[in-house]
Amino acid sequence: MTTRDTLPSAPAPTSVSPTAHQVWTRTRGILLALVLLLVAAVVIAALRSGGQHGRLDPRSADPYGSRAVAEILADHGVTTRVVTTLDQARAAAGPDTTLLVAVPDLLTDDQQSLLRSATAASGGRTVLVAPDSPSVGTLAPGVTAAPAPSFDTTLSPDCSLPAARRAGTADTGGGVRYSTTVHRADACYPSDGLPTLLRIPQTGEGGDTVVLGSPDILYNNRLDQRGNASLALQLLGSRPQLVWYLPSLSDAPAPDTGDRSLVDLLPSGWLWGTLQLFIAAVLAALWRARRLGPLVPEKLPVAIRASETAEGRARLYRKANARDRAAAALRSATRTRLAPLVGVPAAQAHTPEALLPALSARLGDGQSLHDLLFGPPPRDDAALVSLTDRLDALEREVRRP
């Protein structure tokens, strides 16, 4: 005879909640990657904000600033004024002014056209520092930038421009090279046959445009080398006033979009790229979701105890507050086990008209079992536990000989 004392004890429940060590093992790789990205960002920011700080700024004394040029020009009676907006630069253009554009490539197409219209007939000098394609063609018509840069930093004048001949060798290379179709242009400091400094005269106004392929002669740390100081002073000191224009991205005006939508503003390449990505995503989904036949059951690589499976499912039910599904699963399993004990076919185990009369006849007490086996879901966890105990007691009573 088997009694409660002789029954084997159930194994202790196994917790499925991850431990602190497991959480650390799973997340340490991601945390390490985030730390490395943060360190790399700090290092790059520190390097970029170091020696390049204040680049081509006449107020900066850093190695790549241009304060030394401004101070030497001031000793020769040339006043240097810094402007940061296009309107200020256009208003400053005049016969007694040299307008230096530090980074012309930051200007938009509309800004370049407006600046060119203001300086073309001003009678003054405009100095463009290292403009590249296509901005150089707008700011200095007839000039194009070569695809390959100059690799020789120190070059000889090899031209008839007085300022270049007096300065001699200078660090005008290492930047952009140019070609021009203007016949009266002065082409100086050639590198492999292409000049790195051009002077384009204005027609009948006495002004000119100077295109400088490299900013090295304006840096504080390069000004005292070779003929850099002489060339910089002659190019920037031909007028009593020097306006130093430092363009910035914040100065860009809002484009006139008219009635165009956001899709119209996107380049065609982005639209085609998005379409290709969409097609690739659809193909990947079809590839991952393909089915060549019915599912084939496979043996699990490890044996899982029934108690662990039951506990895991119970935790999922509890997390989702799915007491109705838990109660339905318990009642269904109980009905499936009780049906053969009372002579009811398995196909009719879940039919109240077939199962309940057989149970009443077996128990002999006529008790109502409908609410127990087919009733509504429990209201709370306590009611679910009570339902479990009652189902267990019913099954023991039916099994009792």
Protein backbone atom coordinates (compact mmCIF):
# COMPACT_ATOMS: atom_id res chain seq x y z
CA MET A 1 0.00 0.00 0.00
CA THR A 2 1.29 3.43 -0.96
CA THR A 3 0.75 6.20 1.52
CA ARG A 4 1.58 9.87 1.46
CA ASP A 5 4.69 9.18 3.58
CA THR A 6 6.06 6.62 1.12
CA LEU A 7 5.54 8.74 -2.00
CA PRO A 8 8.75 10.13 -3.48
CA SER A 9 9.23 13.77 -2.63
CA ALA A 10 8.97 16.23 -5.47
CA PRO A 11 12.21 17.87 -6.54
CA ALA A 12 12.84 21.36 -5.34
CA PRO A 13 11.65 23.97 -7.80
CA THR A 14 14.34 25.39 -9.99
CA SER A 15 14.40 29.17 -10.42
CA VAL A 16 14.47 30.45 -13.96
CA SER A 17 15.30 34.04 -13.01
CA PRO A 18 18.80 35.02 -14.20
CA THR A 19 21.37 35.58 -11.50
CA ALA A 20 23.59 38.64 -11.25
CA HIS A 21 26.54 36.66 -12.64
CA GLN A 22 24.48 35.54 -15.64
CA VAL A 23 23.32 39.09 -16.34
CA TRP A 24 26.91 40.34 -16.18
CA THR A 25 28.10 37.56 -18.49
CA ARG A 26 25.45 38.41 -21.08
CA THR A 27 25.88 42.18 -21.01
CA ARG A 28 29.60 42.67 -20.45
CA GLY A 29 30.35 42.53 -24.19
CA ILE A 30 27.84 45.29 -24.95
CA LEU A 31 29.06 47.41 -22.04
CA LEU A 32 32.69 47.00 -23.16
CA ALA A 33 31.78 48.08 -26.70
CA LEU A 34 29.95 51.16 -25.38
CA VAL A 35 32.91 52.10 -23.19
CA LEU A 36 35.31 51.75 -26.13
CA LEU A 37 33.06 53.93 -28.32
CA LEU A 38 32.87 56.57 -25.59
CA VAL A 39 36.65 56.60 -25.10
CA ALA A 40 37.23 56.81 -28.86
CA ALA A 41 34.79 59.72 -29.15
CA VAL A 42 36.53 61.60 -26.33
CA VAL A 43 39.98 61.01 -27.87
CA ILE A 44 38.84 62.13 -31.33
CA ALA A 45 37.16 65.22 -29.89
CA ALA A 46 40.31 66.08 -27.94
CA LEU A 47 42.51 65.69 -31.00
CA ARG A 48 40.21 67.71 -33.25
CA SER A 49 39.90 70.49 -30.71
CA GLY A 50 43.65 70.76 -30.20
CA GLY A 51 45.98 72.15 -32.84
CA GLN A 52 43.18 72.94 -35.34
CA HIS A 53 41.37 75.21 -32.90
CA GLY A 54 40.82 78.68 -34.36
CA ARG A 55 41.94 77.66 -37.85
CA LEU A 56 42.48 80.70 -40.13
CA ASP A 57 41.07 83.00 -37.47
CA PRO A 58 43.02 86.32 -37.31
CA ARG A 59 42.17 86.53 -33.60
CA SER A 60 43.68 83.13 -32.76
CA ALA A 61 47.27 82.68 -31.57
CA ASP A 62 47.13 78.90 -32.00
CA PRO A 63 49.51 77.25 -34.48
CA TYR A 64 46.82 77.15 -37.18
CA GLY A 65 45.44 80.58 -36.41
CA SER A 66 46.32 83.77 -38.32
CA ARG A 67 46.84 86.36 -35.62
CA ALA A 68 50.47 86.95 -36.62
CA VAL A 69 49.42 88.05 -40.11
CA ALA A 70 46.85 90.49 -38.70
CA GLU A 71 49.37 92.03 -36.29
CA ILE A 72 52.02 92.51 -38.97
CA LEU A 73 49.44 94.08 -41.27
CA ALA A 74 48.39 96.39 -38.44
CA ASP A 75 52.03 97.54 -38.12
CA HIS A 76 51.87 98.49 -41.81
CA GLY A 77 48.64 100.47 -41.41
CA VAL A 78 46.19 97.83 -42.61
CA THR A 79 43.07 97.41 -40.49
CA THR A 80 41.74 93.86 -40.13
CA ARG A 81 38.05 93.30 -39.40
CA VAL A 82 36.43 89.89 -38.92
CA VAL A 83 32.93 89.22 -40.29
CA THR A 84 30.93 86.00 -40.03
CA THR A 85 27.85 86.60 -42.20
CA LEU A 86 27.38 86.92 -45.94
CA ASP A 87 25.56 90.24 -45.64
CA GLN A 88 28.51 91.77 -43.78
CA ALA A 89 30.96 90.45 -46.36
CA ARG A 90 28.94 91.82 -49.28
CA ALA A 91 28.53 95.20 -47.63
CA ALA A 92 32.29 95.44 -47.00
CA ALA A 93 33.29 94.93 -50.65
CA GLY A 94 34.78 98.10 -52.13
CA PRO A 95 37.82 99.60 -53.90
CA ASP A 96 39.71 100.21 -50.62
CA THR A 97 39.05 96.74 -49.21
CA THR A 98 40.64 93.31 -49.49
CA LEU A 99 38.01 90.65 -48.81
CA LEU A 100 39.48 87.32 -47.68
CA VAL A 101 37.12 84.31 -47.75
CA ALA A 102 38.65 81.76 -45.38
CA VAL A 103 36.65 78.63 -46.30
CA PRO A 104 34.74 79.26 -49.56
CA ASP A 105 33.52 75.67 -49.82
CA LEU A 106 31.23 76.21 -46.81
CA LEU A 107 29.11 78.62 -48.83
CA THR A 108 26.04 77.35 -50.63
CA ASP A 109 25.56 77.89 -54.37
CA ASP A 110 23.23 80.83 -53.75
CA GLN A 111 25.66 82.41 -51.30
CA GLN A 112 28.54 82.05 -53.74
CA SER A 113 26.53 83.73 -56.49
CA LEU A 114 25.55 86.62 -54.22
CA LEU A 115 29.13 87.08 -53.05
CA ARG A 116 30.43 87.03 -56.62
CA SER A 117 27.91 89.66 -57.75
CA ALA A 118 29.04 91.92 -54.89
CA THR A 119 32.78 91.60 -55.57
CA ALA A 120 32.86 91.42 -59.39
CA ALA A 121 32.60 95.20 -59.92
CA SER A 122 33.76 96.41 -56.49
CA GLY A 123 37.23 97.49 -57.60
CA GLY A 124 38.78 95.78 -54.58
CA ARG A 125 40.66 92.53 -54.10
CA THR A 126 39.06 89.21 -53.22
CA VAL A 127 41.28 86.44 -51.82
CA LEU A 128 39.84 82.92 -51.93
CA VAL A 129 41.65 80.45 -49.67
CA ALA A 130 41.81 76.92 -51.11
CA PRO A 131 38.47 76.83 -52.96
CA ASP A 132 37.73 73.49 -54.60
CA SER A 133 35.23 72.30 -57.18
CA PRO A 134 32.63 73.54 -57.85
CA SER A 135 32.83 76.68 -55.68
CA VAL A 136 35.93 78.05 -57.44
CA GLY A 137 34.07 78.17 -60.76
CA THR A 138 31.34 80.36 -59.26
CA LEU A 139 33.55 82.68 -57.22
CA ALA A 140 36.24 82.95 -59.92
CA PRO A 141 34.70 82.32 -63.36
CA GLY A 142 37.08 80.73 -65.81
CA VAL A 143 39.00 78.85 -63.09
CA THR A 144 38.71 75.11 -62.45
CA ALA A 145 40.29 72.96 -59.76
CA ALA A 146 42.46 70.01 -60.78
CA PRO A 147 41.31 66.56 -59.57
CA ALA A 148 44.72 65.71 -58.07
CA PRO A 149 46.16 67.96 -55.34
CA SER A 150 49.69 69.31 -55.17
CA PHE A 151 52.14 67.16 -53.22
CA ASP A 152 55.05 69.65 -53.23
CA THR A 153 54.63 72.11 -50.36
CA THR A 154 57.46 74.54 -51.17
CA LEU A 155 57.32 76.00 -54.69
CA SER A 156 59.02 78.71 -56.72
CA PRO A 157 57.06 81.62 -58.28
CA ASP A 158 57.87 81.05 -61.98
CA CYS A 159 55.62 83.97 -62.98
CA SER A 160 55.80 87.73 -63.57
CA LEU A 161 53.57 88.77 -60.66
CA PRO A 162 55.62 91.31 -58.65
CA ALA A 163 54.35 90.10 -55.28
CA ALA A 164 55.39 86.53 -56.04
CA ARG A 165 58.78 87.50 -57.49
CA ARG A 166 59.63 89.57 -54.39
CA ALA A 167 58.51 86.83 -52.00
CA GLY A 168 60.41 84.02 -53.74
CA THR A 169 59.80 80.44 -52.68
CA ALA A 170 56.75 79.95 -50.46
CA ASP A 171 54.59 77.17 -49.02
CA THR A 172 51.79 77.45 -51.55
CA GLY A 173 51.75 73.73 -52.45
CA GLY A 174 50.24 70.79 -50.62
CA GLY A 175 46.73 71.89 -51.57
CA VAL A 176 44.59 72.55 -54.64
CA ARG A 177 45.99 73.15 -58.13
CA TYR A 178 44.13 75.17 -60.74
CA SER A 179 43.77 75.83 -64.43
CA THR A 180 42.24 78.90 -66.07
CA THR A 181 40.99 80.13 -69.41
CA VAL A 182 41.49 83.82 -68.54
CA HIS A 183 44.24 85.16 -70.80
CA ARG A 184 45.44 87.99 -68.53
CA ALA A 185 45.64 85.83 -65.42
CA ASP A 186 48.89 85.51 -63.48
CA ALA A 187 49.63 81.82 -62.84
CA CYS A 188 52.25 81.38 -60.12
CA TYR A 189 53.89 78.65 -58.05
CA PRO A 190 53.22 75.77 -60.47
CA SER A 191 53.25 72.14 -59.39
CA ASP A 192 53.56 69.64 -62.23
CA GLY A 193 52.59 72.36 -64.69
CA LEU A 194 49.50 73.61 -62.83
CA PRO A 195 49.59 76.79 -60.72
CA THR A 196 48.69 76.88 -57.05
CA LEU A 197 48.18 80.68 -57.03
CA LEU A 198 46.17 82.66 -59.56
CA ARG A 199 45.44 86.37 -59.88
CA ILE A 200 42.41 87.11 -62.04
CA PRO A 201 42.06 90.85 -62.92
CA GLN A 202 38.67 92.50 -63.10
CA THR A 203 37.64 94.11 -66.37
CA GLY A 204 38.10 97.90 -66.29
CA GLU A 205 37.64 98.26 -62.51
CA GLY A 206 41.18 97.88 -61.18
CA GLY A 207 40.22 95.08 -58.85
CA ASP A 208 41.24 91.45 -58.95
CA THR A 209 40.59 88.01 -57.49
CA VAL A 210 43.39 85.95 -55.95
CA VAL A 211 42.92 82.19 -55.75
CA LEU A 212 45.27 80.63 -53.21
CA GLY A 213 45.51 76.83 -53.33
CA SER A 214 46.85 76.34 -49.78
CA PRO A 215 46.34 78.28 -46.53
CA ASP A 216 49.82 77.44 -45.18
CA ILE A 217 51.29 80.93 -45.72
CA LEU A 218 48.62 82.38 -43.38
CA TYR A 219 49.24 80.07 -40.41
CA ASN A 220 51.08 81.36 -37.34
CA ASN A 221 53.49 78.43 -37.30
CA ARG A 222 54.43 78.82 -40.99
CA LEU A 223 54.57 82.58 -41.39
CA ASP A 224 58.28 82.92 -40.54
CA GLN A 225 59.38 80.27 -43.04
CA ARG A 226 60.73 81.07 -46.53
CA GLY A 227 58.81 83.84 -48.28
CA ASN A 228 55.46 83.14 -46.62
CA ALA A 229 55.27 86.40 -44.66
CA SER A 230 56.25 88.52 -47.66
CA LEU A 231 53.72 86.86 -49.94
CA ALA A 232 50.92 87.07 -47.34
CA LEU A 233 51.57 90.75 -46.63
CA GLN A 234 51.62 91.69 -50.31
CA LEU A 235 48.46 89.75 -51.12
CA LEU A 236 46.49 91.05 -48.12
CA GLY A 237 48.05 94.50 -47.66
CA SER A 238 47.40 96.08 -51.05
CA ARG A 239 44.38 97.97 -49.62
CA PRO A 240 44.07 99.89 -46.35
CA GLN A 241 41.27 97.64 -45.08
CA LEU A 242 41.20 93.87 -44.80
CA VAL A 243 37.84 92.16 -44.20
CA TRP A 244 38.35 88.59 -43.01
CA TYR A 245 35.24 86.55 -43.77
CA LEU A 246 34.89 83.35 -41.72
CA PRO A 247 31.90 81.46 -43.22
CA SER A 248 29.98 79.05 -41.03
CA LEU A 249 27.21 76.50 -41.52
CA SER A 250 24.88 78.59 -39.35
CA ASP A 251 25.09 81.42 -41.90
CA ALA A 252 23.48 79.27 -44.64
CA PRO A 253 20.10 80.71 -45.67
CA ALA A 254 17.04 78.49 -45.85
CA PRO A 255 16.54 77.26 -49.41
CA ASP A 256 13.41 78.18 -51.33
CA THR A 257 11.55 74.89 -51.50
CA GLY A 258 8.31 76.28 -52.99
CA ASP A 259 5.58 73.67 -53.09
CA ARG A 260 7.96 70.71 -53.21
CA SER A 261 7.46 67.89 -50.73
CA LEU A 262 10.08 66.17 -48.62
CA VAL A 263 10.40 63.37 -51.21
CA ASP A 264 11.10 65.96 -53.94
CA LEU A 265 13.98 67.36 -51.90
CA LEU A 266 15.70 63.98 -51.61
CA PRO A 267 18.33 63.20 -54.25
CA SER A 268 17.42 60.44 -56.67
CA GLY A 269 20.23 58.28 -55.33
CA TRP A 270 18.60 58.13 -51.90
CA LEU A 271 15.29 57.00 -53.41
CA TRP A 272 16.92 54.25 -55.44
CA GLY A 273 18.98 53.19 -52.43
CA THR A 274 15.87 53.00 -50.24
CA LEU A 275 14.10 50.89 -52.88
CA GLN A 276 17.04 48.49 -53.03
CA LEU A 277 17.10 48.16 -49.24
CA PHE A 278 13.37 47.44 -49.23
CA ILE A 279 13.75 44.71 -51.88
CA ALA A 280 16.68 43.23 -49.96
CA ALA A 281 14.62 43.18 -46.73
CA VAL A 282 11.72 41.42 -48.49
CA LEU A 283 14.04 38.81 -49.99
CA ALA A 284 15.69 38.25 -46.61
CA ALA A 285 12.29 37.79 -44.96
CA LEU A 286 11.23 35.29 -47.62
CA TRP A 287 14.52 33.44 -47.24
CA ARG A 288 14.24 33.22 -43.47
CA ALA A 289 10.54 32.27 -43.57
CA ARG A 290 10.73 29.64 -46.33
CA ARG A 291 9.26 26.18 -45.63
CA LEU A 292 10.19 23.24 -47.83
CA GLY A 293 7.86 20.77 -46.09
CA PRO A 294 6.19 19.91 -42.78
CA LEU A 295 7.98 20.55 -39.53
CA VAL A 296 10.18 17.67 -38.43
CA PRO A 297 10.33 17.00 -34.68
CA GLU A 298 13.81 16.71 -33.28
CA LYS A 299 15.06 15.41 -30.00
CA LEU A 300 16.14 18.02 -27.52
CA PRO A 301 19.88 18.18 -26.97
CA VAL A 302 19.31 17.94 -23.21
CA ALA A 303 16.65 16.36 -21.02
CA ILE A 304 14.39 18.89 -19.32
CA ARG A 305 12.56 17.89 -16.17
CA ALA A 306 8.81 18.17 -16.22
CA SER A 307 8.90 20.29 -13.07
CA GLU A 308 11.08 22.90 -14.79
CA THR A 309 8.75 23.03 -17.80
CA ALA A 310 5.71 23.42 -15.55
CA GLU A 311 7.41 26.10 -13.47
CA GLY A 312 8.51 28.02 -16.55
CA ARG A 313 5.03 28.00 -18.03
CA ALA A 314 3.56 28.99 -14.70
CA ARG A 315 5.90 31.98 -14.48
CA LEU A 316 4.86 33.09 -17.97
CA TYR A 317 1.17 32.82 -17.03
CA ARG A 318 1.75 34.78 -13.84
CA LYS A 319 3.75 37.49 -15.62
CA ALA A 320 0.91 37.95 -18.11
CA ASN A 321 -1.83 37.66 -15.45
CA ALA A 322 -3.30 34.87 -17.59
CA ARG A 323 -5.31 33.13 -14.86
CA ASP A 324 -7.99 32.22 -17.39
CA ARG A 325 -5.54 30.29 -19.57
CA ALA A 326 -3.92 28.63 -16.57
CA ALA A 327 -7.31 27.51 -15.24
CA ALA A 328 -8.35 26.28 -18.70
CA ALA A 329 -5.15 24.24 -18.99
CA LEU A 330 -5.64 22.69 -15.54
CA ARG A 331 -9.30 21.81 -16.19
CA SER A 332 -8.54 20.37 -19.64
CA ALA A 333 -5.76 18.14 -18.29
CA THR A 334 -7.99 16.96 -15.44
CA ARG A 335 -10.89 16.12 -17.80
CA THR A 336 -8.50 14.23 -20.10
CA ARG A 337 -7.30 12.06 -17.20
CA LEU A 338 -10.75 11.52 -15.66
CA ALA A 339 -12.57 10.46 -18.86
CA PRO A 340 -11.03 6.98 -19.23
CA LEU A 341 -11.48 6.34 -15.50
CA VAL A 342 -15.26 6.71 -15.77
CA GLY A 343 -15.64 5.01 -19.18
CA VAL A 344 -16.02 8.13 -21.33
CA PRO A 345 -14.26 8.14 -24.73
CA ALA A 346 -11.36 10.57 -25.07
CA ALA A 347 -13.17 12.41 -27.87
CA GLN A 348 -16.00 13.30 -25.44
CA ALA A 349 -13.82 14.17 -22.45
CA HIS A 350 -14.50 17.88 -22.85
CA THR A 351 -18.27 17.55 -23.41
CA PRO A 352 -20.24 18.28 -20.20
CA GLU A 353 -23.23 16.15 -21.33
CA ALA A 354 -21.02 13.04 -21.53
CA LEU A 355 -18.49 13.55 -18.73
CA LEU A 356 -20.56 14.98 -15.87
CA PRO A 357 -23.21 12.17 -15.69
CA ALA A 358 -20.48 9.53 -15.68
CA LEU A 359 -18.64 11.30 -12.86
CA SER A 360 -21.83 11.68 -10.80
CA ALA A 361 -22.57 7.98 -11.21
CA ARG A 362 -19.03 7.06 -10.16
CA LEU A 363 -18.92 9.25 -7.08
CA GLY A 364 -22.43 8.39 -6.05
CA ASP A 365 -23.09 11.59 -4.16
CA GLY A 366 -24.69 13.57 -6.99
CA GLN A 367 -22.50 16.60 -6.37
CA SER A 368 -22.47 19.31 -8.99
CA LEU A 369 -19.18 19.30 -10.83
CA HIS A 370 -20.03 21.68 -13.65
CA ASP A 371 -18.53 24.80 -12.04
CA LEU A 372 -15.41 22.86 -11.09
CA LEU A 373 -14.66 21.39 -14.51
CA PHE A 374 -16.36 23.87 -16.84
CA GLY A 375 -16.85 27.00 -14.72
CA PRO A 376 -15.63 30.58 -15.22
CA PRO A 377 -12.00 31.58 -14.72
CA PRO A 378 -10.86 32.43 -11.16
CA ARG A 379 -10.90 36.04 -10.02
CA ASP A 380 -7.46 36.13 -8.39
CA ASP A 381 -4.42 33.99 -7.62
CA ALA A 382 -5.95 32.65 -4.41
CA ALA A 383 -9.00 31.38 -6.33
CA LEU A 384 -6.66 29.76 -8.89
CA VAL A 385 -4.81 27.90 -6.11
CA SER A 386 -8.15 26.80 -4.60
CA LEU A 387 -9.27 25.54 -8.01
CA THR A 388 -6.08 23.51 -8.33
CA ASP A 389 -6.59 21.89 -4.94
CA ARG A 390 -10.22 21.00 -5.73
CA LEU A 391 -9.27 19.46 -9.09
CA ASP A 392 -6.55 17.42 -7.39
CA ALA A 393 -8.98 16.25 -4.72
CA LEU A 394 -11.56 15.27 -7.37
CA GLU A 395 -9.02 13.20 -9.29
CA ARG A 396 -7.91 11.40 -6.10
CA GLU A 397 -11.53 10.64 -5.24
CA VAL A 398 -12.21 9.14 -8.67
CA ARG A 399 -9.05 7.04 -8.55
CA ARG A 400 -9.88 5.70 -5.10
CA PRO A 401 -10.86 2.00 -5.44
